[in-house]
N, C-alpha and C. Protein backbone atom coordinates (compact mmCIF):
# COMPACT_ATOMS: atom_id res chain seq x y z
N MET A 1 106.04 77.24 127.87
CA MET A 1 106.30 78.59 127.35
C MET A 1 105.95 79.61 128.42
N SER A 2 106.81 80.54 128.67
CA SER A 2 106.57 81.54 129.69
C SER A 2 105.52 82.53 129.22
N GLN A 3 104.90 83.24 130.16
CA GLN A 3 103.85 84.19 129.83
C GLN A 3 104.38 85.31 128.94
N LYS A 4 105.64 85.71 129.11
CA LYS A 4 106.21 86.80 128.34
C LYS A 4 106.33 86.44 126.86
N LYS A 5 106.44 85.17 126.56
CA LYS A 5 106.60 84.76 125.17
C LYS A 5 105.27 84.65 124.44
N LEU A 6 104.18 84.67 125.19
CA LEU A 6 102.88 84.59 124.56
C LEU A 6 102.54 85.93 123.92
N LEU A 7 101.82 85.90 122.80
CA LEU A 7 101.44 87.12 122.11
C LEU A 7 100.17 87.68 122.74
N PRO A 8 100.27 88.80 123.46
CA PRO A 8 99.07 89.39 124.05
C PRO A 8 98.11 89.85 122.95
N ILE A 9 96.83 89.74 123.21
CA ILE A 9 95.83 90.15 122.23
C ILE A 9 95.22 91.48 122.67
N SER A 10 95.02 92.37 121.74
CA SER A 10 94.50 93.70 122.04
C SER A 10 93.05 93.81 121.60
N PRO A 11 92.25 94.63 122.31
CA PRO A 11 90.80 94.68 122.06
C PRO A 11 90.39 95.09 120.65
N VAL A 12 91.01 96.12 120.08
CA VAL A 12 90.63 96.55 118.73
C VAL A 12 91.02 95.49 117.70
N ALA A 13 92.16 94.85 117.92
CA ALA A 13 92.58 93.76 117.02
C ALA A 13 91.57 92.62 117.07
N ILE A 14 91.09 92.31 118.26
CA ILE A 14 90.07 91.27 118.41
C ILE A 14 88.79 91.67 117.69
N LEU A 15 88.43 92.95 117.81
CA LEU A 15 87.21 93.44 117.15
C LEU A 15 87.30 93.28 115.63
N LEU A 16 88.44 93.63 115.06
CA LEU A 16 88.62 93.47 113.61
C LEU A 16 88.51 92.00 113.21
N PHE A 17 89.12 91.13 114.01
CA PHE A 17 89.06 89.69 113.78
C PHE A 17 87.61 89.20 113.81
N VAL A 18 86.87 89.64 114.81
CA VAL A 18 85.47 89.23 114.96
C VAL A 18 84.62 89.74 113.81
N LEU A 19 84.87 90.97 113.37
CA LEU A 19 84.09 91.55 112.27
C LEU A 19 84.30 90.77 110.97
N ILE A 20 85.52 90.31 110.74
CA ILE A 20 85.79 89.51 109.55
C ILE A 20 85.05 88.17 109.63
N LEU A 21 85.10 87.54 110.80
CA LEU A 21 84.37 86.28 110.99
C LEU A 21 82.86 86.51 110.87
N ALA A 22 82.39 87.65 111.39
CA ALA A 22 80.97 87.97 111.32
C ALA A 22 80.53 88.17 109.87
N GLY A 23 81.39 88.83 109.09
CA GLY A 23 81.08 89.03 107.67
C GLY A 23 80.93 87.70 106.95
N TRP A 24 81.82 86.78 107.26
CA TRP A 24 81.74 85.45 106.64
C TRP A 24 80.48 84.72 107.08
N THR A 25 80.18 84.79 108.37
CA THR A 25 78.99 84.12 108.90
C THR A 25 77.72 84.68 108.28
N CYS A 26 77.66 85.99 108.11
CA CYS A 26 76.50 86.62 107.47
C CYS A 26 76.33 86.12 106.04
N SER A 27 77.44 85.98 105.32
CA SER A 27 77.38 85.47 103.95
C SER A 27 76.85 84.04 103.93
N VAL A 28 77.35 83.23 104.84
CA VAL A 28 76.93 81.82 104.92
C VAL A 28 75.43 81.73 105.18
N LEU A 29 74.95 82.50 106.15
CA LEU A 29 73.54 82.46 106.51
C LEU A 29 72.65 83.04 105.41
N TYR A 30 73.09 84.12 104.80
CA TYR A 30 72.28 84.81 103.79
C TYR A 30 72.12 83.96 102.53
N PHE A 31 73.21 83.34 102.11
CA PHE A 31 73.17 82.56 100.87
C PHE A 31 72.91 81.07 101.10
N GLY A 32 72.83 80.66 102.37
CA GLY A 32 72.52 79.28 102.69
C GLY A 32 73.60 78.29 102.31
N LYS A 33 74.85 78.73 102.39
CA LYS A 33 75.98 77.87 102.04
C LYS A 33 76.50 77.12 103.27
N SER A 34 77.28 76.06 103.00
CA SER A 34 78.03 75.42 104.08
C SER A 34 79.05 76.41 104.62
N PHE A 35 79.39 76.30 105.90
CA PHE A 35 80.29 77.27 106.52
C PHE A 35 81.66 77.28 105.84
N PHE A 36 82.08 76.14 105.32
CA PHE A 36 83.41 76.04 104.72
C PHE A 36 83.39 76.15 103.20
N ALA A 37 82.21 76.27 102.62
CA ALA A 37 82.09 76.35 101.16
C ALA A 37 82.41 77.76 100.67
N SER A 38 82.90 77.85 99.45
CA SER A 38 83.20 79.15 98.86
C SER A 38 81.91 79.88 98.50
N GLN A 39 81.94 81.20 98.63
CA GLN A 39 80.81 82.02 98.24
C GLN A 39 80.91 82.35 96.75
N LYS A 40 79.81 82.74 96.15
CA LYS A 40 79.83 83.18 94.76
C LYS A 40 80.12 84.68 94.73
N SER A 41 81.22 85.02 94.10
CA SER A 41 81.66 86.42 94.09
C SER A 41 80.59 87.35 93.52
N VAL A 42 79.89 86.91 92.48
CA VAL A 42 78.91 87.78 91.82
C VAL A 42 77.72 88.10 92.72
N LEU A 43 77.53 87.33 93.79
CA LEU A 43 76.41 87.56 94.70
C LEU A 43 76.77 88.48 95.86
N LEU A 44 78.04 88.62 96.14
CA LEU A 44 78.47 89.39 97.31
C LEU A 44 78.07 90.87 97.29
N PRO A 45 77.89 91.50 96.11
CA PRO A 45 77.39 92.89 96.13
C PRO A 45 76.05 93.04 96.85
N GLN A 46 75.29 91.95 96.95
CA GLN A 46 74.03 92.01 97.70
C GLN A 46 74.26 92.32 99.17
N LEU A 47 75.46 91.97 99.67
CA LEU A 47 75.79 92.20 101.07
C LEU A 47 76.72 93.39 101.27
N GLY A 48 77.18 94.00 100.17
CA GLY A 48 78.01 95.19 100.33
C GLY A 48 79.33 95.18 99.61
N ALA A 49 79.62 94.13 98.85
CA ALA A 49 80.85 94.13 98.05
C ALA A 49 80.75 95.21 96.97
N ALA A 50 81.89 95.62 96.43
CA ALA A 50 81.92 96.75 95.50
C ALA A 50 82.26 96.31 94.08
N THR A 51 81.72 97.05 93.11
CA THR A 51 82.06 96.87 91.70
C THR A 51 82.24 98.25 91.07
N GLY A 52 82.48 98.28 89.77
CA GLY A 52 82.66 99.54 89.08
C GLY A 52 81.44 100.43 89.12
N GLU A 53 80.27 99.86 89.42
CA GLU A 53 79.05 100.66 89.54
C GLU A 53 79.14 101.66 90.69
N LEU A 54 80.10 101.45 91.56
CA LEU A 54 80.30 102.34 92.71
C LEU A 54 80.46 103.79 92.27
N PHE A 55 81.12 104.01 91.15
CA PHE A 55 81.42 105.37 90.71
C PHE A 55 80.22 106.08 90.10
N THR A 56 79.17 105.33 89.81
CA THR A 56 77.94 105.96 89.33
C THR A 56 76.85 105.96 90.40
N SER A 57 76.85 104.93 91.24
CA SER A 57 75.85 104.84 92.32
C SER A 57 76.26 105.66 93.54
N HIS A 58 77.57 105.91 93.67
CA HIS A 58 78.12 106.67 94.80
C HIS A 58 77.82 106.01 96.15
N GLU A 59 77.74 104.70 96.14
CA GLU A 59 77.54 103.96 97.40
C GLU A 59 78.90 103.70 98.04
N TRP A 60 79.49 104.76 98.55
CA TRP A 60 80.87 104.70 99.05
C TRP A 60 81.02 103.80 100.27
N TRP A 61 79.94 103.56 100.97
CA TRP A 61 79.98 102.69 102.13
C TRP A 61 80.46 101.28 101.77
N ARG A 62 80.31 100.93 100.48
CA ARG A 62 80.75 99.60 100.04
C ARG A 62 82.27 99.42 100.18
N LEU A 63 83.02 100.52 100.09
CA LEU A 63 84.47 100.43 100.26
C LEU A 63 84.83 99.96 101.66
N LEU A 64 83.96 100.26 102.62
CA LEU A 64 84.18 99.83 104.00
C LEU A 64 83.65 98.42 104.22
N VAL A 65 82.39 98.21 103.87
CA VAL A 65 81.75 96.92 104.14
C VAL A 65 82.43 95.78 103.39
N SER A 66 82.86 96.05 102.17
CA SER A 66 83.46 94.99 101.34
C SER A 66 84.72 94.40 101.96
N GLN A 67 85.35 95.15 102.87
CA GLN A 67 86.56 94.65 103.51
C GLN A 67 86.30 93.45 104.43
N PHE A 68 85.04 93.27 104.80
CA PHE A 68 84.71 92.19 105.74
C PHE A 68 83.99 91.03 105.06
N LEU A 69 83.99 91.04 103.73
CA LEU A 69 83.37 89.96 102.95
C LEU A 69 84.44 89.20 102.18
N HIS A 70 84.30 87.89 102.10
CA HIS A 70 85.27 87.06 101.40
C HIS A 70 84.57 85.99 100.58
N VAL A 71 85.27 85.50 99.57
CA VAL A 71 84.74 84.43 98.72
C VAL A 71 85.15 83.06 99.24
N HIS A 72 86.40 82.91 99.65
CA HIS A 72 86.92 81.61 100.07
C HIS A 72 87.19 81.57 101.57
N PHE A 73 86.82 80.45 102.19
CA PHE A 73 86.98 80.30 103.64
C PHE A 73 88.44 80.41 104.07
N LEU A 74 89.33 79.69 103.39
CA LEU A 74 90.74 79.70 103.79
C LEU A 74 91.36 81.09 103.62
N HIS A 75 90.96 81.79 102.58
CA HIS A 75 91.44 83.17 102.38
C HIS A 75 90.97 84.06 103.53
N MET A 76 89.70 83.91 103.89
CA MET A 76 89.16 84.67 105.01
C MET A 76 89.90 84.37 106.30
N LEU A 77 90.15 83.08 106.55
CA LEU A 77 90.81 82.67 107.79
C LEU A 77 92.25 83.18 107.83
N PHE A 78 92.95 83.09 106.71
CA PHE A 78 94.32 83.60 106.64
C PHE A 78 94.36 85.09 106.92
N ASN A 79 93.46 85.84 106.29
CA ASN A 79 93.41 87.28 106.52
C ASN A 79 93.09 87.60 107.98
N ALA A 80 92.08 86.93 108.51
CA ALA A 80 91.64 87.21 109.88
C ALA A 80 92.74 86.93 110.90
N LEU A 81 93.40 85.79 110.78
CA LEU A 81 94.45 85.44 111.74
C LEU A 81 95.67 86.34 111.58
N SER A 82 96.03 86.64 110.34
CA SER A 82 97.18 87.52 110.10
C SER A 82 96.92 88.91 110.65
N ILE A 83 95.71 89.41 110.43
CA ILE A 83 95.34 90.72 110.95
C ILE A 83 95.35 90.71 112.47
N LEU A 84 94.85 89.64 113.07
CA LEU A 84 94.84 89.54 114.53
C LEU A 84 96.25 89.63 115.10
N ILE A 85 97.18 88.93 114.50
CA ILE A 85 98.57 88.91 114.98
C ILE A 85 99.25 90.26 114.81
N ILE A 86 99.18 90.81 113.59
CA ILE A 86 99.88 92.06 113.31
C ILE A 86 99.20 93.24 114.00
N ALA A 87 97.87 93.27 113.97
CA ALA A 87 97.14 94.37 114.60
C ALA A 87 97.35 94.39 116.10
N SER A 88 97.42 93.22 116.72
CA SER A 88 97.66 93.15 118.16
C SER A 88 98.99 93.80 118.52
N SER A 89 100.01 93.49 117.75
CA SER A 89 101.33 94.04 118.00
C SER A 89 101.36 95.55 117.79
N LEU A 90 100.75 96.01 116.70
CA LEU A 90 100.72 97.45 116.42
C LEU A 90 99.91 98.21 117.47
N GLU A 91 98.82 97.62 117.90
CA GLU A 91 97.98 98.28 118.90
C GLU A 91 98.72 98.45 120.22
N ARG A 92 99.45 97.43 120.62
CA ARG A 92 100.21 97.52 121.87
C ARG A 92 101.35 98.53 121.75
N ALA A 93 101.97 98.57 120.59
CA ALA A 93 103.15 99.41 120.41
C ALA A 93 102.82 100.88 120.14
N ARG A 94 101.74 101.13 119.38
CA ARG A 94 101.46 102.49 118.93
C ARG A 94 100.08 103.01 119.30
N GLY A 95 99.23 102.14 119.86
CA GLY A 95 97.91 102.59 120.27
C GLY A 95 96.82 102.24 119.26
N TRP A 96 95.59 102.22 119.75
CA TRP A 96 94.48 101.78 118.91
C TRP A 96 94.12 102.79 117.82
N LEU A 97 94.33 104.08 118.08
CA LEU A 97 94.04 105.07 117.05
C LEU A 97 94.96 104.91 115.84
N ALA A 98 96.23 104.69 116.12
CA ALA A 98 97.19 104.47 115.04
C ALA A 98 96.83 103.21 114.26
N LEU A 99 96.45 102.17 114.98
CA LEU A 99 96.06 100.92 114.32
C LEU A 99 94.89 101.14 113.38
N LEU A 100 93.84 101.81 113.87
CA LEU A 100 92.66 102.02 113.04
C LEU A 100 92.96 102.92 111.84
N ALA A 101 93.82 103.91 112.05
CA ALA A 101 94.19 104.80 110.94
C ALA A 101 94.87 104.01 109.82
N ILE A 102 95.82 103.17 110.20
CA ILE A 102 96.52 102.36 109.20
C ILE A 102 95.57 101.38 108.52
N TYR A 103 94.76 100.72 109.32
CA TYR A 103 93.87 99.68 108.80
C TYR A 103 92.85 100.25 107.82
N PHE A 104 92.15 101.29 108.24
CA PHE A 104 91.04 101.76 107.41
C PHE A 104 91.48 102.68 106.27
N ILE A 105 92.49 103.51 106.48
CA ILE A 105 92.98 104.32 105.37
C ILE A 105 93.60 103.42 104.30
N GLY A 106 94.40 102.46 104.76
CA GLY A 106 94.99 101.51 103.81
C GLY A 106 93.94 100.64 103.15
N GLY A 107 92.98 100.17 103.94
CA GLY A 107 91.93 99.32 103.41
C GLY A 107 91.04 100.04 102.41
N LEU A 108 90.62 101.25 102.75
CA LEU A 108 89.76 102.03 101.86
C LEU A 108 90.49 102.39 100.57
N THR A 109 91.76 102.76 100.70
CA THR A 109 92.55 103.10 99.51
C THR A 109 92.70 101.88 98.60
N GLY A 110 93.00 100.75 99.21
CA GLY A 110 93.16 99.53 98.43
C GLY A 110 91.87 99.09 97.74
N GLN A 111 90.76 99.19 98.46
CA GLN A 111 89.48 98.82 97.86
C GLN A 111 89.15 99.73 96.68
N ALA A 112 89.35 101.05 96.88
CA ALA A 112 89.07 102.01 95.81
C ALA A 112 89.94 101.74 94.59
N ALA A 113 91.21 101.44 94.83
CA ALA A 113 92.13 101.15 93.72
C ALA A 113 91.71 99.89 92.98
N SER A 114 91.26 98.90 93.73
CA SER A 114 90.83 97.65 93.11
C SER A 114 89.60 97.87 92.23
N VAL A 115 88.64 98.64 92.73
CA VAL A 115 87.44 98.94 91.95
C VAL A 115 87.80 99.74 90.70
N TRP A 116 88.72 100.69 90.86
CA TRP A 116 89.11 101.54 89.74
C TRP A 116 89.82 100.74 88.63
N HIS A 117 90.72 99.87 89.04
CA HIS A 117 91.51 99.11 88.07
C HIS A 117 90.76 97.91 87.49
N TYR A 118 89.83 97.34 88.29
CA TYR A 118 89.10 96.16 87.82
C TYR A 118 87.59 96.38 88.00
N PRO A 119 87.02 97.35 87.28
CA PRO A 119 85.61 97.71 87.48
C PRO A 119 84.62 96.60 87.17
N ALA A 120 85.00 95.67 86.32
CA ALA A 120 84.09 94.58 85.95
C ALA A 120 84.08 93.46 86.98
N LEU A 121 85.04 93.48 87.90
CA LEU A 121 85.14 92.43 88.91
C LEU A 121 84.53 92.90 90.23
N VAL A 122 84.27 91.93 91.10
CA VAL A 122 83.75 92.23 92.44
C VAL A 122 84.93 92.42 93.38
N THR A 123 84.94 93.53 94.10
CA THR A 123 86.00 93.81 95.06
C THR A 123 85.52 93.46 96.46
N ASP A 124 86.25 92.61 97.14
CA ASP A 124 85.92 92.21 98.50
C ASP A 124 87.20 91.75 99.20
N GLY A 125 87.10 91.49 100.48
CA GLY A 125 88.22 90.94 101.23
C GLY A 125 89.03 91.96 102.01
N ALA A 126 89.76 91.44 103.00
CA ALA A 126 90.55 92.28 103.90
C ALA A 126 92.03 92.31 103.52
N SER A 127 92.38 91.76 102.36
CA SER A 127 93.79 91.70 101.98
C SER A 127 94.42 93.08 101.84
N GLN A 128 93.64 94.05 101.35
CA GLN A 128 94.17 95.40 101.18
C GLN A 128 94.54 96.00 102.54
N ALA A 129 93.64 95.85 103.51
CA ALA A 129 93.92 96.34 104.86
C ALA A 129 95.08 95.57 105.49
N LEU A 130 95.15 94.28 105.22
CA LEU A 130 96.25 93.47 105.74
C LEU A 130 97.59 93.95 105.21
N MET A 131 97.64 94.30 103.92
CA MET A 131 98.87 94.82 103.34
C MET A 131 99.27 96.14 104.00
N ALA A 132 98.27 96.96 104.34
CA ALA A 132 98.54 98.22 105.03
C ALA A 132 99.14 97.95 106.41
N LEU A 133 98.60 96.96 107.11
CA LEU A 133 99.13 96.61 108.44
C LEU A 133 100.55 96.07 108.34
N CYS A 134 100.82 95.30 107.30
CA CYS A 134 102.18 94.79 107.10
C CYS A 134 103.16 95.94 106.91
N ALA A 135 102.76 96.93 106.13
CA ALA A 135 103.60 98.11 105.95
C ALA A 135 103.80 98.82 107.28
N GLY A 136 102.72 98.89 108.07
CA GLY A 136 102.81 99.52 109.38
C GLY A 136 103.80 98.82 110.29
N ALA A 137 103.78 97.50 110.27
CA ALA A 137 104.71 96.73 111.10
C ALA A 137 106.15 96.97 110.66
N LEU A 138 106.38 97.02 109.36
CA LEU A 138 107.73 97.23 108.84
C LEU A 138 108.27 98.60 109.21
N VAL A 139 107.40 99.61 109.25
CA VAL A 139 107.83 100.97 109.56
C VAL A 139 107.91 101.22 111.06
N LEU A 140 106.88 100.81 111.78
CA LEU A 140 106.75 101.17 113.19
C LEU A 140 107.36 100.16 114.15
N GLN A 141 107.59 98.94 113.70
CA GLN A 141 108.16 97.92 114.57
C GLN A 141 109.26 97.13 113.85
N PRO A 142 110.25 97.81 113.33
CA PRO A 142 111.27 97.13 112.52
C PRO A 142 112.07 96.08 113.27
N ARG A 143 112.14 96.19 114.59
CA ARG A 143 112.93 95.23 115.38
C ARG A 143 112.07 94.17 116.06
N SER A 144 110.79 94.21 115.80
CA SER A 144 109.87 93.27 116.43
C SER A 144 109.80 91.95 115.66
N LYS A 145 109.50 90.88 116.38
CA LYS A 145 109.35 89.58 115.73
C LYS A 145 108.18 89.58 114.75
N VAL A 146 107.17 90.42 115.02
CA VAL A 146 106.00 90.45 114.14
C VAL A 146 106.37 90.97 112.76
N THR A 147 107.48 91.72 112.66
CA THR A 147 107.91 92.24 111.37
C THR A 147 108.28 91.11 110.42
N TRP A 148 108.90 90.07 110.96
CA TRP A 148 109.24 88.91 110.14
C TRP A 148 107.97 88.25 109.61
N PHE A 149 106.97 88.16 110.45
CA PHE A 149 105.70 87.58 110.02
C PHE A 149 105.05 88.46 108.96
N ALA A 150 105.08 89.78 109.16
CA ALA A 150 104.51 90.71 108.18
C ALA A 150 105.22 90.58 106.84
N GLY A 151 106.53 90.46 106.88
CA GLY A 151 107.30 90.28 105.65
C GLY A 151 106.92 88.99 104.93
N LEU A 152 106.69 87.94 105.71
CA LEU A 152 106.28 86.66 105.13
C LEU A 152 104.91 86.77 104.47
N VAL A 153 103.99 87.48 105.13
CA VAL A 153 102.65 87.68 104.57
C VAL A 153 102.73 88.42 103.24
N VAL A 154 103.55 89.48 103.20
CA VAL A 154 103.72 90.25 101.96
C VAL A 154 104.29 89.36 100.86
N ALA A 155 105.29 88.56 101.21
CA ALA A 155 105.92 87.67 100.23
C ALA A 155 104.91 86.66 99.68
N ILE A 156 104.09 86.10 100.56
CA ILE A 156 103.06 85.15 100.12
C ILE A 156 102.06 85.83 99.20
N GLN A 157 101.64 87.03 99.59
CA GLN A 157 100.64 87.74 98.79
C GLN A 157 101.18 88.10 97.41
N VAL A 158 102.41 88.58 97.37
CA VAL A 158 103.03 88.92 96.08
C VAL A 158 103.16 87.68 95.20
N ALA A 159 103.58 86.57 95.80
CA ALA A 159 103.74 85.32 95.05
C ALA A 159 102.40 84.86 94.47
N LEU A 160 101.35 84.95 95.28
CA LEU A 160 100.03 84.55 94.80
C LEU A 160 99.54 85.46 93.68
N ASP A 161 99.79 86.76 93.83
CA ASP A 161 99.38 87.72 92.79
C ASP A 161 100.10 87.44 91.47
N VAL A 162 101.40 87.26 91.56
CA VAL A 162 102.20 87.02 90.35
C VAL A 162 101.78 85.71 89.69
N HIS A 163 101.48 84.71 90.52
CA HIS A 163 101.02 83.43 89.97
C HIS A 163 99.67 83.58 89.27
N ALA A 164 98.80 84.43 89.83
CA ALA A 164 97.44 84.56 89.30
C ALA A 164 97.36 85.47 88.09
N ILE A 165 98.02 86.64 88.15
CA ILE A 165 97.87 87.62 87.06
C ILE A 165 99.20 88.15 86.54
N ALA A 166 100.31 87.55 86.99
CA ALA A 166 101.65 87.96 86.55
C ALA A 166 101.97 89.40 86.93
N ALA A 167 101.35 89.88 88.00
CA ALA A 167 101.61 91.24 88.49
C ALA A 167 101.05 91.35 89.90
N ILE A 168 101.45 92.39 90.61
CA ILE A 168 100.88 92.64 91.93
C ILE A 168 99.53 93.31 91.75
N LYS A 169 98.51 92.80 92.38
CA LYS A 169 97.17 93.37 92.25
C LYS A 169 97.15 94.81 92.77
N ALA A 170 96.41 95.66 92.07
CA ALA A 170 96.38 97.09 92.40
C ALA A 170 95.95 97.35 93.84
N GLY A 171 94.93 96.64 94.29
CA GLY A 171 94.44 96.84 95.65
C GLY A 171 95.49 96.55 96.70
N HIS A 172 96.25 95.48 96.49
CA HIS A 172 97.30 95.11 97.43
C HIS A 172 98.43 96.13 97.42
N LEU A 173 98.81 96.58 96.23
CA LEU A 173 99.90 97.55 96.11
C LEU A 173 99.52 98.89 96.72
N TYR A 174 98.35 99.40 96.37
CA TYR A 174 97.91 100.69 96.89
C TYR A 174 97.65 100.62 98.39
N GLY A 175 97.12 99.50 98.85
CA GLY A 175 96.90 99.33 100.29
C GLY A 175 98.21 99.38 101.05
N PHE A 176 99.22 98.70 100.51
CA PHE A 176 100.54 98.69 101.16
C PHE A 176 101.15 100.09 101.18
N VAL A 177 101.08 100.79 100.05
CA VAL A 177 101.67 102.13 99.96
C VAL A 177 100.94 103.10 100.90
N ALA A 178 99.62 103.00 100.95
CA ALA A 178 98.85 103.86 101.85
C ALA A 178 99.22 103.58 103.30
N GLY A 179 99.34 102.30 103.66
CA GLY A 179 99.75 101.94 105.01
C GLY A 179 101.14 102.44 105.33
N LEU A 180 102.01 102.40 104.34
CA LEU A 180 103.38 102.89 104.51
C LEU A 180 103.40 104.38 104.81
N LEU A 181 102.65 105.15 104.03
CA LEU A 181 102.62 106.61 104.20
C LEU A 181 101.99 107.00 105.54
N VAL A 182 100.88 106.35 105.88
CA VAL A 182 100.22 106.65 107.16
C VAL A 182 101.15 106.31 108.32
N SER A 183 101.84 105.20 108.23
CA SER A 183 102.76 104.78 109.29
C SER A 183 103.92 105.75 109.45
N LEU A 184 104.43 106.26 108.34
CA LEU A 184 105.51 107.25 108.41
C LEU A 184 105.03 108.52 109.10
N LEU A 185 103.81 108.94 108.81
CA LEU A 185 103.24 110.13 109.46
C LEU A 185 103.05 109.89 110.96
N ILE A 186 102.59 108.69 111.30
CA ILE A 186 102.40 108.34 112.72
C ILE A 186 103.74 108.35 113.44
N ALA A 187 104.75 107.76 112.83
CA ALA A 187 106.08 107.71 113.44
C ALA A 187 106.62 109.12 113.65
N LEU A 188 106.45 110.00 112.66
CA LEU A 188 106.93 111.37 112.77
C LEU A 188 106.18 112.13 113.86
N ARG A 189 104.86 111.96 113.89
CA ARG A 189 104.04 112.65 114.89
C ARG A 189 104.39 112.20 116.30
N GLN A 190 104.51 110.91 116.50
CA GLN A 190 104.83 110.40 117.83
C GLN A 190 106.25 110.77 118.25
N LYS A 191 107.15 110.85 117.28
CA LYS A 191 108.52 111.28 117.58
C LYS A 191 108.54 112.73 118.03
N ASN A 192 107.77 113.58 117.36
CA ASN A 192 107.69 114.99 117.74
C ASN A 192 107.05 115.16 119.11
N GLN A 193 106.02 114.37 119.40
CA GLN A 193 105.37 114.43 120.70
C GLN A 193 106.34 114.04 121.81
N LEU A 194 107.12 113.00 121.56
CA LEU A 194 108.10 112.55 122.55
C LEU A 194 109.16 113.61 122.78
N ALA A 195 109.59 114.27 121.71
CA ALA A 195 110.60 115.32 121.83
C ALA A 195 110.07 116.49 122.66
N LYS A 196 108.80 116.83 122.46
CA LYS A 196 108.20 117.93 123.23
C LYS A 196 108.09 117.56 124.71
N GLU A 197 107.72 116.31 124.98
CA GLU A 197 107.59 115.86 126.36
C GLU A 197 108.94 115.87 127.06
N ASN A 198 109.98 115.43 126.35
CA ASN A 198 111.32 115.43 126.93
C ASN A 198 111.83 116.84 127.15
N ALA A 199 111.46 117.75 126.26
CA ALA A 199 111.91 119.14 126.38
C ALA A 199 111.26 119.84 127.56
N SER A 200 110.05 119.39 127.92
CA SER A 200 109.33 120.04 129.02
C SER A 200 109.75 119.52 130.38
N LEU A 201 110.55 118.46 130.41
CA LEU A 201 111.00 117.90 131.69
C LEU A 201 112.08 118.76 132.32
């Protein structure tokens, strides 16, 4: 395989990947579980996962921290690798600021929606942020190969949601929509900047 066909990795994308792995490792060490064993969802609030109590405790930091905690190893690994691939492409194409805006605005929106719609459940995981990145790839890189991968990720997530609860989970839906809106704003802003630069030549 030639060097051009290899997927270059970007620093912020790597950082997000490492943070997700670090979150899992912290859970393993804190609860004394096997590295590949599933965590107990009800215990994850001890490390920063969110529940409906968020709206009375006002511990808003949980919306951020919970994105890096997971219950199942394979789910964590799927999210981490998918984020690494899509985030790397977005970072190279649109810059690290755009990547972080899509990731965290989408992730925070998705986490908040999940807590709001399912207050009795524990909200954790990076799936909401991943859905935002998928939306970003579809908007900002429609002709890129990574868009096909993003579409596949969305299809898998929707299929799993429908199988589990016969509907798309609120966090995934809101995360995707937030990522879509942020990406459209980024595309418009960068288009206007390019037009100004061309006009000044």
